[in-house]
């Protein structure tokens, strides 16, 4: 995968997990963090900021490690990958987070478009 694709994947998974944690773990203490990741020996490929509970931060770090280890030049969507790198319990957990957050992201896009059209 290219450095640009890696950066895109990292920022996307960070958004998904951030939305999930913000909505589902309101009562838990959060850890504010900024990370800069290296990919295939290239330093500072992507930098992300987040504020997550411990469990969600662990999931994010797991996701970063899996993305760094992805052997595909053209990264397939994880659910169609012939050799998934997520362990099954982690894959199920991530799927739940992405399903929830994907709906929220989709609704936010629709809301922004509606408000823009209404104002314009």
Protein backbone atom coordinates (compact mmCIF):
# COMPACT_ATOMS: atom_id res chain seq x y z
CA UNK A 1 0.00 0.00 0.00
CA UNK A 2 1.25 3.49 -0.70
CA UNK A 3 2.08 5.98 2.04
CA UNK A 4 -0.94 8.06 1.00
CA UNK A 5 -3.26 5.06 1.25
CA UNK A 6 -1.78 4.17 4.64
CA UNK A 7 -2.38 7.74 5.88
CA UNK A 8 -5.96 7.62 4.59
CA UNK A 9 -6.64 4.26 6.29
CA UNK A 10 -5.16 5.45 9.60
CA UNK A 11 -7.16 8.70 9.66
CA UNK A 12 -10.34 6.85 8.70
CA UNK A 13 -10.05 4.21 11.42
CA UNK A 14 -9.21 6.94 13.95
CA UNK A 15 -12.41 8.84 13.01
CA UNK A 16 -14.52 5.69 13.31
CA UNK A 17 -13.17 4.77 16.74
CA UNK A 18 -13.33 8.38 17.99
CA UNK A 19 -17.02 8.68 17.08
CA UNK A 20 -17.82 5.33 18.68
CA UNK A 21 -15.96 6.13 21.90
CA UNK A 22 -17.40 9.65 22.19
CA UNK A 23 -20.96 8.35 21.90
CA UNK A 24 -20.76 4.97 23.63
CA UNK A 25 -18.21 5.59 26.42
CA UNK A 26 -19.22 9.05 27.66
CA UNK A 27 -18.81 8.08 31.31
CA UNK A 28 -15.29 6.64 30.97
CA UNK A 29 -12.13 8.71 31.49
CA UNK A 30 -10.45 9.66 28.23
CA UNK A 31 -6.79 9.81 27.26
CA UNK A 32 -5.86 12.70 24.96
CA UNK A 33 -3.09 11.66 22.60
CA UNK A 34 -1.32 12.58 19.40
CA UNK A 35 0.57 9.96 17.42
CA UNK A 36 2.85 10.17 14.45
CA UNK A 37 3.25 6.88 12.61
CA UNK A 38 6.03 5.42 10.54
CA UNK A 39 5.18 3.17 7.61
CA UNK A 40 7.64 0.86 5.88
CA UNK A 41 10.60 2.74 7.31
CA UNK A 42 9.32 6.18 6.27
CA UNK A 43 8.96 8.37 9.37
CA UNK A 44 6.09 10.77 9.97
CA UNK A 45 3.79 9.37 7.28
CA UNK A 46 0.69 10.39 9.23
CA UNK A 47 -0.14 12.19 12.45
CA UNK A 48 -3.45 11.72 14.27
CA UNK A 49 -4.99 13.24 17.39
CA UNK A 50 -7.64 11.55 19.48
CA UNK A 51 -9.26 11.43 22.91
CA UNK A 52 -10.30 7.88 23.77
CA UNK A 53 -10.98 5.60 26.71
CA UNK A 54 -8.37 2.91 27.41
CA UNK A 55 -10.28 0.12 25.61
CA UNK A 56 -10.81 2.20 22.47
CA UNK A 57 -7.19 3.37 22.50
CA UNK A 58 -6.11 -0.28 22.67
CA UNK A 59 -8.35 -1.04 19.68
CA UNK A 60 -6.88 1.89 17.76
CA UNK A 61 -3.31 0.80 18.48
CA UNK A 62 -4.22 -2.75 17.39
CA UNK A 63 -5.66 -1.33 14.16
CA UNK A 64 -2.52 0.72 13.54
CA UNK A 65 -0.37 -2.39 14.01
CA UNK A 66 -2.56 -4.40 11.62
CA UNK A 67 -2.43 -1.65 8.99
CA UNK A 68 1.37 -1.49 9.28
CA UNK A 69 1.53 -5.26 8.78
CA UNK A 70 -0.90 -5.45 5.84
CA UNK A 71 0.94 -7.39 3.13
CA UNK A 72 -1.19 -6.19 0.22
CA UNK A 73 0.09 -3.69 -2.34
CA UNK A 74 -3.52 -2.91 -3.25
CA UNK A 75 -5.25 -3.10 0.13
CA UNK A 76 -8.65 -4.81 -0.16
CA UNK A 77 -11.52 -4.00 2.15
CA UNK A 78 -10.89 -5.99 5.30
CA UNK A 79 -14.18 -7.90 5.16
CA UNK A 80 -13.33 -9.20 1.67
CA UNK A 81 -9.67 -9.94 2.36
CA UNK A 82 -8.61 -13.54 1.65
CA UNK A 83 -6.09 -13.41 4.53
CA UNK A 84 -7.59 -11.26 7.34
CA UNK A 85 -5.01 -9.95 9.75
CA UNK A 86 -7.47 -9.13 12.55
CA UNK A 87 -8.13 -11.89 15.05
CA UNK A 88 -11.83 -12.83 14.97
CA UNK A 89 -12.86 -11.20 18.30
CA UNK A 90 -11.07 -7.98 17.32
CA UNK A 91 -12.57 -8.09 13.83
CA UNK A 92 -16.07 -8.40 15.30
CA UNK A 93 -15.39 -5.52 17.68
CA UNK A 94 -14.08 -3.31 14.87
CA UNK A 95 -17.02 -4.22 12.63
CA UNK A 96 -19.41 -3.11 15.39
CA UNK A 97 -17.55 0.20 15.81
CA UNK A 98 -17.41 0.85 12.07
CA UNK A 99 -21.07 0.03 11.54
CA UNK A 100 -22.11 2.46 14.26
CA UNK A 101 -19.72 5.22 13.22
CA UNK A 102 -20.39 4.76 9.50
CA UNK A 103 -24.05 5.49 10.11
CA UNK A 104 -23.15 8.58 12.11
CA UNK A 105 -20.73 9.82 9.45
CA UNK A 106 -23.31 9.24 6.73
CA UNK A 107 -25.98 11.10 8.65
CA UNK A 108 -23.61 14.00 9.34
CA UNK A 109 -22.80 14.31 5.62
CA UNK A 110 -26.50 14.31 4.75
CA UNK A 111 -27.20 16.90 7.46
CA UNK A 112 -24.40 19.20 6.19
CA UNK A 113 -25.66 18.91 2.60
CA UNK A 114 -29.21 19.66 3.72
CA UNK A 115 -28.13 22.71 5.72
CA UNK A 116 -25.93 23.97 2.86
CA UNK A 117 -28.78 23.59 0.34
CA UNK A 118 -31.22 25.25 2.72
CA UNK A 119 -28.92 28.26 3.24
CA UNK A 120 -27.90 28.53 -0.42
